[in-house]
Amino acid sequence: MPQMTLDISVNNVAEIIRSMNTQEIETLYLLLTEEGKELLERKKDLDLGRVRFLTRDEAFEINREFLLGISKHVKEGRA
């Protein structure tokens, strides 16, 4: 990953963070944590075509089948 070096004071960084809205702070948090690294890896997999997003229909079909399976187990007394 490309890297860049900046000469910026801690006060400037603090002021920038103070001026951020909630969404920008959450994005910054993700970029600075392990969770952010995982998200970048997932994006890379998507960009390289290793994976694809589920469509809305696929996601809801999977959820519907899951719920129907649970319902069946409950009716049979196996849940």
PDB file of N, CA and C in Angstrom:
ATOM      1  N   MET A   1       0.846  -1.169   0.000  1.00  0.00           N
ATOM      2  CA  MET A   1       0.000   0.000   0.000  1.00  0.00           C
ATOM      3  C   MET A   1       0.897   1.238   0.000  1.00  0.00           C
ATOM      4  N   PRO A   2       0.574   2.236  -0.843  1.00  0.00           N
ATOM      5  CA  PRO A   2       1.391   3.449  -0.877  1.00  0.00           C
ATOM      6  C   PRO A   2       1.368   4.176   0.458  1.00  0.00           C
ATOM      7  N   GLN A   3       2.482   4.775   0.791  1.00  0.00           N
ATOM      8  CA  GLN A   3       2.569   5.531   2.037  1.00  0.00           C
ATOM      9  C   GLN A   3       3.031   6.940   1.739  1.00  0.00           C
ATOM     10  N   MET A   4       2.670   7.850   2.652  1.00  0.00           N
ATOM     11  CA  MET A   4       3.018   9.244   2.482  1.00  0.00           C
ATOM     12  C   MET A   4       3.411   9.796   3.843  1.00  0.00           C
ATOM     13  N   THR A   5       4.373  10.695   3.861  1.00  0.00           N
ATOM     14  CA  THR A   5       4.807  11.329   5.104  1.00  0.00           C
ATOM     15  C   THR A   5       4.402  12.795   5.069  1.00  0.00           C
ATOM     16  N   LEU A   6       3.806  13.248   6.164  1.00  0.00           N
ATOM     17  CA  LEU A   6       3.384  14.639   6.292  1.00  0.00           C
ATOM     18  C   LEU A   6       4.027  15.261   7.514  1.00  0.00           C
ATOM     19  N   ASP A   7       4.330  16.537   7.411  1.00  0.00           N
ATOM     20  CA  ASP A   7       4.832  17.285   8.556  1.00  0.00           C
ATOM     21  C   ASP A   7       3.677  18.140   9.051  1.00  0.00           C
ATOM     22  N   ILE A   8       2.972  17.633  10.080  1.00  0.00           N
ATOM     23  CA  ILE A   8       1.783  18.310  10.599  1.00  0.00           C
ATOM     24  C   ILE A   8       1.811  18.235  12.121  1.00  0.00           C
ATOM     25  N   SER A   9       1.407  19.306  12.749  1.00  0.00           N
ATOM     26  CA  SER A   9       1.466  19.346  14.219  1.00  0.00           C
ATOM     27  C   SER A   9       0.300  18.558  14.824  1.00  0.00           C
ATOM     28  N   VAL A  10       0.501  18.134  16.055  1.00  0.00           N
ATOM     29  CA  VAL A  10      -0.540  17.420  16.784  1.00  0.00           C
ATOM     30  C   VAL A  10      -1.764  18.314  16.953  1.00  0.00           C
ATOM     31  N   ASN A  11      -1.551  19.599  17.170  1.00  0.00           N
ATOM     32  CA  ASN A  11      -2.672  20.529  17.303  1.00  0.00           C
ATOM     33  C   ASN A  11      -3.499  20.584  16.022  1.00  0.00           C
ATOM     34  N   ASN A  12      -2.845  20.563  14.880  1.00  0.00           N
ATOM     35  CA  ASN A  12      -3.579  20.567  13.609  1.00  0.00           C
ATOM     36  C   ASN A  12      -4.393  19.288  13.451  1.00  0.00           C
ATOM     37  N   VAL A  13      -3.813  18.157  13.816  1.00  0.00           N
ATOM     38  CA  VAL A  13      -4.532  16.883  13.743  1.00  0.00           C
ATOM     39  C   VAL A  13      -5.743  16.914  14.664  1.00  0.00           C
ATOM     40  N   ALA A  14      -5.550  17.420  15.882  1.00  0.00           N
ATOM     41  CA  ALA A  14      -6.652  17.502  16.848  1.00  0.00           C
ATOM     42  C   ALA A  14      -7.761  18.398  16.310  1.00  0.00           C
ATOM     43  N   GLU A  15      -7.414  19.515  15.713  1.00  0.00           N
ATOM     44  CA  GLU A  15      -8.422  20.429  15.162  1.00  0.00           C
ATOM     45  C   GLU A  15      -9.188  19.775  14.007  1.00  0.00           C
ATOM     46  N   ILE A  16      -8.490  19.051  13.170  1.00  0.00           N
ATOM     47  CA  ILE A  16      -9.148  18.346  12.063  1.00  0.00           C
ATOM     48  C   ILE A  16     -10.143  17.327  12.602  1.00  0.00           C
ATOM     49  N   ILE A  17      -9.727  16.566  13.601  1.00  0.00           N
ATOM     50  CA  ILE A  17     -10.614  15.545  14.186  1.00  0.00           C
ATOM     51  C   ILE A  17     -11.808  16.207  14.869  1.00  0.00           C
ATOM     52  N   ARG A  18     -11.573  17.299  15.575  1.00  0.00           N
ATOM     53  CA  ARG A  18     -12.685  18.000  16.240  1.00  0.00           C
ATOM     54  C   ARG A  18     -13.709  18.519  15.229  1.00  0.00           C
ATOM     55  N   SER A  19     -13.280  18.844  14.035  1.00  0.00           N
ATOM     56  CA  SER A  19     -14.199  19.398  13.031  1.00  0.00           C
ATOM     57  C   SER A  19     -14.939  18.307  12.244  1.00  0.00           C
ATOM     58  N   MET A  20     -14.601  17.026  12.475  1.00  0.00           N
ATOM     59  CA  MET A  20     -15.241  15.928  11.751  1.00  0.00           C
ATOM     60  C   MET A  20     -16.641  15.659  12.278  1.00  0.00           C
ATOM     61  N   ASN A  21     -17.515  15.215  11.369  1.00  0.00           N
ATOM     62  CA  ASN A  21     -18.840  14.781  11.813  1.00  0.00           C
ATOM     63  C   ASN A  21     -18.751  13.314  12.241  1.00  0.00           C
ATOM     64  N   THR A  22     -19.837  12.773  12.736  1.00  0.00           N
ATOM     65  CA  THR A  22     -19.840  11.410  13.285  1.00  0.00           C
ATOM     66  C   THR A  22     -19.427  10.381  12.243  1.00  0.00           C
ATOM     67  N   GLN A  23     -19.949  10.497  11.037  1.00  0.00           N
ATOM     68  CA  GLN A  23     -19.617   9.523   9.994  1.00  0.00           C
ATOM     69  C   GLN A  23     -18.128   9.573   9.653  1.00  0.00           C
ATOM     70  N   GLU A  24     -17.557  10.762   9.575  1.00  0.00           N
ATOM     71  CA  GLU A  24     -16.133  10.886   9.278  1.00  0.00           C
ATOM     72  C   GLU A  24     -15.276  10.292  10.394  1.00  0.00           C
ATOM     73  N   ILE A  25     -15.692  10.479  11.639  1.00  0.00           N
ATOM     74  CA  ILE A  25     -14.950   9.904  12.773  1.00  0.00           C
ATOM     75  C   ILE A  25     -15.036   8.384  12.753  1.00  0.00           C
ATOM     76  N   GLU A  26     -16.215   7.841  12.425  1.00  0.00           N
ATOM     77  CA  GLU A  26     -16.360   6.387  12.330  1.00  0.00           C
ATOM     78  C   GLU A  26     -15.478   5.830  11.219  1.00  0.00           C
ATOM     79  N   THR A  27     -15.402   6.525  10.089  1.00  0.00           N
ATOM     80  CA  THR A  27     -14.537   6.097   8.985  1.00  0.00           C
ATOM     81  C   THR A  27     -13.077   6.127   9.406  1.00  0.00           C
ATOM     82  N   LEU A  28     -12.676   7.180  10.082  1.00  0.00           N
ATOM     83  CA  LEU A  28     -11.300   7.281  10.579  1.00  0.00           C
ATOM     84  C   LEU A  28     -10.986   6.131  11.525  1.00  0.00           C
ATOM     85  N   TYR A  29     -11.907   5.841  12.424  1.00  0.00           N
ATOM     86  CA  TYR A  29     -11.729   4.731  13.366  1.00  0.00           C
ATOM     87  C   TYR A  29     -11.501   3.423  12.613  1.00  0.00           C
ATOM     88  N   LEU A  30     -12.334   3.168  11.600  1.00  0.00           N
ATOM     89  CA  LEU A  30     -12.182   1.935  10.824  1.00  0.00           C
ATOM     90  C   LEU A  30     -10.820   1.863  10.150  1.00  0.00           C
ATOM     91  N   LEU A  31     -10.368   2.978   9.621  1.00  0.00           N
ATOM     92  CA  LEU A  31      -9.083   2.993   8.922  1.00  0.00           C
ATOM     93  C   LEU A  31      -7.906   2.760   9.860  1.00  0.00           C
ATOM     94  N   LEU A  32      -8.085   3.069  11.138  1.00  0.00           N
ATOM     95  CA  LEU A  32      -6.984   2.963  12.097  1.00  0.00           C
ATOM     96  C   LEU A  32      -7.009   1.688  12.931  1.00  0.00           C
ATOM     97  N   THR A  33      -7.961   0.787  12.665  1.00  0.00           N
ATOM     98  CA  THR A  33      -8.084  -0.428  13.472  1.00  0.00           C
ATOM     99  C   THR A  33      -7.949  -1.671  12.604  1.00  0.00           C
ATOM    100  N   GLU A  34      -7.869  -2.816  13.262  1.00  0.00           N
ATOM    101  CA  GLU A  34      -7.803  -4.098  12.560  1.00  0.00           C
ATOM    102  C   GLU A  34      -9.048  -4.326  11.709  1.00  0.00           C
ATOM    103  N   GLU A  35     -10.185  -3.864  12.211  1.00  0.00           N
ATOM    104  CA  GLU A  35     -11.431  -4.003  11.457  1.00  0.00           C
ATOM    105  C   GLU A  35     -11.311  -3.313  10.099  1.00  0.00           C
ATOM    106  N   GLY A  36     -10.639  -2.176  10.082  1.00  0.00           N
ATOM    107  CA  GLY A  36     -10.424  -1.453   8.839  1.00  0.00           C
ATOM    108  C   GLY A  36      -9.554  -2.238   7.877  1.00  0.00           C
ATOM    109  N   LYS A  37      -8.547  -2.919   8.407  1.00  0.00           N
ATOM    110  CA  LYS A  37      -7.687  -3.753   7.553  1.00  0.00           C
ATOM    111  C   LYS A  37      -8.492  -4.868   6.905  1.00  0.00           C
ATOM    112  N   GLU A  38      -9.392  -5.457   7.682  1.00  0.00           N
ATOM    113  CA  GLU A  38     -10.236  -6.527   7.149  1.00  0.00           C
ATOM    114  C   GLU A  38     -11.148  -5.985   6.044  1.00  0.00           C
ATOM    115  N   LEU A  39     -11.707  -4.804   6.258  1.00  0.00           N
ATOM    116  CA  LEU A  39     -12.575  -4.209   5.248  1.00  0.00           C
ATOM    117  C   LEU A  39     -11.806  -3.893   3.969  1.00  0.00           C
ATOM    118  N   LEU A  40     -10.568  -3.429   4.114  1.00  0.00           N
ATOM    119  CA  LEU A  40      -9.744  -3.166   2.929  1.00  0.00           C
ATOM    120  C   LEU A  40      -9.446  -4.455   2.170  1.00  0.00           C
ATOM    121  N   GLU A  41      -9.196  -5.540   2.896  1.00  0.00           N
ATOM    122  CA  GLU A  41      -8.967  -6.830   2.244  1.00  0.00           C
ATOM    123  C   GLU A  41     -10.215  -7.297   1.502  1.00  0.00           C
ATOM    124  N   ARG A  42     -11.383  -7.112   2.122  1.00  0.00           N
ATOM    125  CA  ARG A  42     -12.638  -7.493   1.457  1.00  0.00           C
ATOM    126  C   ARG A  42     -12.847  -6.674   0.188  1.00  0.00           C
ATOM    127  N   LYS A  43     -12.538  -5.366   0.259  1.00  0.00           N
ATOM    128  CA  LYS A  43     -12.677  -4.507  -0.916  1.00  0.00           C
ATOM    129  C   LYS A  43     -11.725  -4.959  -2.016  1.00  0.00           C
ATOM    130  N   LYS A  44     -10.517  -5.324  -1.627  1.00  0.00           N
ATOM    131  CA  LYS A  44      -9.528  -5.797  -2.603  1.00  0.00           C
ATOM    132  C   LYS A  44     -10.032  -7.074  -3.279  1.00  0.00           C
ATOM    133  N   ASP A  45     -10.583  -8.004  -2.486  1.00  0.00           N
ATOM    134  CA  ASP A  45     -11.146  -9.231  -3.055  1.00  0.00           C
ATOM    135  C   ASP A  45     -12.256  -8.911  -4.046  1.00  0.00           C
ATOM    136  N   LEU A  46     -13.079  -7.949  -3.709  1.00  0.00           N
ATOM    137  CA  LEU A  46     -14.176  -7.543  -4.594  1.00  0.00           C
ATOM    138  C   LEU A  46     -13.627  -6.916  -5.873  1.00  0.00           C
ATOM    139  N   ASP A  47     -12.665  -6.015  -5.737  1.00  0.00           N
ATOM    140  CA  ASP A  47     -12.078  -5.344  -6.899  1.00  0.00           C
ATOM    141  C   ASP A  47     -11.390  -6.324  -7.844  1.00  0.00           C
ATOM    142  N   LEU A  48     -10.776  -7.373  -7.273  1.00  0.00           N
ATOM    143  CA  LEU A  48     -10.072  -8.359  -8.084  1.00  0.00           C
ATOM    144  C   LEU A  48     -10.994  -9.457  -8.609  1.00  0.00           C
ATOM    145  N   GLY A  49     -12.269  -9.389  -8.250  1.00  0.00           N
ATOM    146  CA  GLY A  49     -13.235 -10.365  -8.746  1.00  0.00           C
ATOM    147  C   GLY A  49     -13.194 -11.706  -8.040  1.00  0.00           C
ATOM    148  N   ARG A  50     -12.538 -11.778  -6.895  1.00  0.00           N
ATOM    149  CA  ARG A  50     -12.485 -13.033  -6.145  1.00  0.00           C
ATOM    150  C   ARG A  50     -13.830 -13.339  -5.477  1.00  0.00           C
ATOM    151  N   VAL A  51     -14.580 -12.296  -5.165  1.00  0.00           N
ATOM    152  CA  VAL A  51     -15.896 -12.429  -4.545  1.00  0.00           C
ATOM    153  C   VAL A  51     -16.832 -11.431  -5.218  1.00  0.00           C
ATOM    154  N   ARG A  52     -18.112 -11.573  -4.927  1.00  0.00           N
ATOM    155  CA  ARG A  52     -19.078 -10.595  -5.422  1.00  0.00           C
ATOM    156  C   ARG A  52     -20.112 -10.344  -4.338  1.00  0.00           C
ATOM    157  N   PHE A  53     -20.720  -9.187  -4.400  1.00  0.00           N
ATOM    158  CA  PHE A  53     -21.790  -8.869  -3.469  1.00  0.00           C
ATOM    159  C   PHE A  53     -23.012  -9.710  -3.807  1.00  0.00           C
ATOM    160  N   LEU A  54     -23.776 -10.075  -2.802  1.00  0.00           N
ATOM    161  CA  LEU A  54     -25.073 -10.684  -3.040  1.00  0.00           C
ATOM    162  C   LEU A  54     -26.027  -9.594  -3.491  1.00  0.00           C
ATOM    163  N   THR A  55     -26.915  -9.936  -4.397  1.00  0.00           N
ATOM    164  CA  THR A  55     -27.961  -8.990  -4.755  1.00  0.00           C
ATOM    165  C   THR A  55     -28.968  -8.937  -3.617  1.00  0.00           C
ATOM    166  N   ARG A  56     -29.811  -7.928  -3.615  1.00  0.00           N
ATOM    167  CA  ARG A  56     -30.842  -7.809  -2.594  1.00  0.00           C
ATOM    168  C   ARG A  56     -31.732  -9.054  -2.604  1.00  0.00           C
ATOM    169  N   ASP A  57     -32.095  -9.508  -3.813  1.00  0.00           N
ATOM    170  CA  ASP A  57     -32.953 -10.692  -3.922  1.00  0.00           C
ATOM    171  C   ASP A  57     -32.268 -11.930  -3.349  1.00  0.00           C
ATOM    172  N   GLU A  58     -30.983 -12.107  -3.644  1.00  0.00           N
ATOM    173  CA  GLU A  58     -30.254 -13.258  -3.103  1.00  0.00           C
ATOM    174  C   GLU A  58     -30.191 -13.195  -1.580  1.00  0.00           C
ATOM    175  N   ALA A  59     -29.917 -12.028  -1.038  1.00  0.00           N
ATOM    176  CA  ALA A  59     -29.808 -11.885   0.415  1.00  0.00           C
ATOM    177  C   ALA A  59     -31.134 -12.197   1.091  1.00  0.00           C
ATOM    178  N   PHE A  60     -32.227 -11.687   0.540  1.00  0.00           N
ATOM    179  CA  PHE A  60     -33.510 -11.928   1.169  1.00  0.00           C
ATOM    180  C   PHE A  60     -33.988 -13.355   0.952  1.00  0.00           C
ATOM    181  N   GLU A  61     -33.623 -13.976  -0.161  1.00  0.00           N
ATOM    182  CA  GLU A  61     -33.993 -15.376  -0.388  1.00  0.00           C
ATOM    183  C   GLU A  61     -33.286 -16.274   0.629  1.00  0.00           C
ATOM    184  N   ILE A  62     -32.012 -16.016   0.870  1.00  0.00           N
ATOM    185  CA  ILE A  62     -31.272 -16.797   1.864  1.00  0.00           C
ATOM    186  C   ILE A  62     -31.923 -16.625   3.235  1.00  0.00           C
ATOM    187  N   ASN A  63     -32.267 -15.394   3.590  1.00  0.00           N
ATOM    188  CA  ASN A  63     -32.890 -15.117   4.883  1.00  0.00           C
ATOM    189  C   ASN A  63     -34.241 -15.824   4.980  1.00  0.00           C
ATOM    190  N   ARG A  64     -35.043 -15.788   3.917  1.00  0.00           N
ATOM    191  CA  ARG A  64     -36.351 -16.429   3.920  1.00  0.00           C
ATOM    192  C   ARG A  64     -36.202 -17.936   4.111  1.00  0.00           C
ATOM    193  N   GLU A  65     -35.260 -18.554   3.391  1.00  0.00           N
ATOM    194  CA  GLU A  65     -35.039 -19.996   3.525  1.00  0.00           C
ATOM    195  C   GLU A  65     -34.580 -20.343   4.940  1.00  0.00           C
ATOM    196  N   PHE A  66     -33.721 -19.516   5.519  1.00  0.00           N
ATOM    197  CA  PHE A  66     -33.237 -19.734   6.880  1.00  0.00           C
ATOM    198  C   PHE A  66     -34.404 -19.696   7.870  1.00  0.00           C
ATOM    199  N   LEU A  67     -35.246 -18.664   7.733  1.00  0.00           N
ATOM    200  CA  LEU A  67     -36.383 -18.526   8.646  1.00  0.00           C
ATOM    201  C   LEU A  67     -37.381 -19.664   8.473  1.00  0.00           C
ATOM    202  N   LEU A  68     -37.594 -20.114   7.236  1.00  0.00           N
ATOM    203  CA  LEU A  68     -38.502 -21.239   7.014  1.00  0.00           C
ATOM    204  C   LEU A  68     -37.945 -22.508   7.660  1.00  0.00           C
ATOM    205  N   GLY A  69     -36.629 -22.685   7.599  1.00  0.00           N
ATOM    206  CA  GLY A  69     -35.994 -23.841   8.230  1.00  0.00           C
ATOM    207  C   GLY A  69     -36.152 -23.815   9.734  1.00  0.00           C
ATOM    208  N   ILE A  70     -35.977 -22.639  10.333  1.00  0.00           N
ATOM    209  CA  ILE A  70     -36.156 -22.504  11.783  1.00  0.00           C
ATOM    210  C   ILE A  70     -37.598 -22.790  12.153  1.00  0.00           C
ATOM    211  N   SER A  71     -38.521 -22.235  11.377  1.00  0.00           N
ATOM    212  CA  SER A  71     -39.944 -22.454  11.650  1.00  0.00           C
ATOM    213  C   SER A  71     -40.290 -23.938  11.620  1.00  0.00           C
ATOM    214  N   LYS A  72     -39.728 -24.650  10.666  1.00  0.00           N
ATOM    215  CA  LYS A  72     -39.977 -26.082  10.545  1.00  0.00           C
ATOM    216  C   LYS A  72     -39.468 -26.815  11.783  1.00  0.00           C
ATOM    217  N   HIS A  73     -38.277 -26.456  12.258  1.00  0.00           N
ATOM    218  CA  HIS A  73     -37.701 -27.113  13.450  1.00  0.00           C
ATOM    219  C   HIS A  73     -38.537 -26.818  14.688  1.00  0.00           C
ATOM    220  N   VAL A  74     -39.039 -25.593  14.793  1.00  0.00           N
ATOM    221  CA  VAL A  74     -39.864 -25.227  15.945  1.00  0.00           C
ATOM    222  C   VAL A  74     -41.152 -26.043  15.941  1.00  0.00           C
ATOM    223  N   LYS A  75     -41.775 -26.159  14.789  1.00  0.00           N
ATOM    224  CA  LYS A  75     -43.025 -26.935  14.677  1.00  0.00           C
ATOM    225  C   LYS A  75     -42.806 -28.404  15.022  1.00  0.00           C
ATOM    226  N   GLU A  76     -41.596 -28.912  14.680  1.00  0.00           N
ATOM    227  CA  GLU A  76     -41.294 -30.317  14.959  1.00  0.00           C
ATOM    228  C   GLU A  76     -40.739 -30.510  16.372  1.00  0.00           C
ATOM    229  N   GLY A  77     -40.576 -29.414  17.103  1.00  0.00           N
ATOM    230  CA  GLY A  77     -40.073 -29.496  18.468  1.00  0.00           C
ATOM    231  C   GLY A  77     -38.586 -29.747  18.568  1.00  0.00           C
ATOM    232  N   ARG A  78     -37.813 -29.408  17.490  1.00  0.00           N
ATOM    233  CA  ARG A  78     -36.366 -29.642  17.493  1.00  0.00           C
ATOM    234  C   ARG A  78     -35.563 -28.377  17.765  1.00  0.00           C
ATOM    235  N   ALA A  79     -36.221 -27.275  18.022  1.00  0.00           N
ATOM    236  CA  ALA A  79     -35.481 -26.022  18.226  1.00  0.00           C
ATOM    237  C   ALA A  79     -35.222 -25.766  19.693  1.00  0.00           C
TER     238      ALA A  79
END
